[in-house]
């Protein structure tokens, strides 16, 4: 069984990274 909490953290960090790139690119 996959850990959904870890998946949510991964998605949250991935989205945050994309926001930083869009702001400072």
Foldseek 3Di string as FASTA:
>chain_A
DDDVVVVVVVVVVVVVVVVVVVVPD
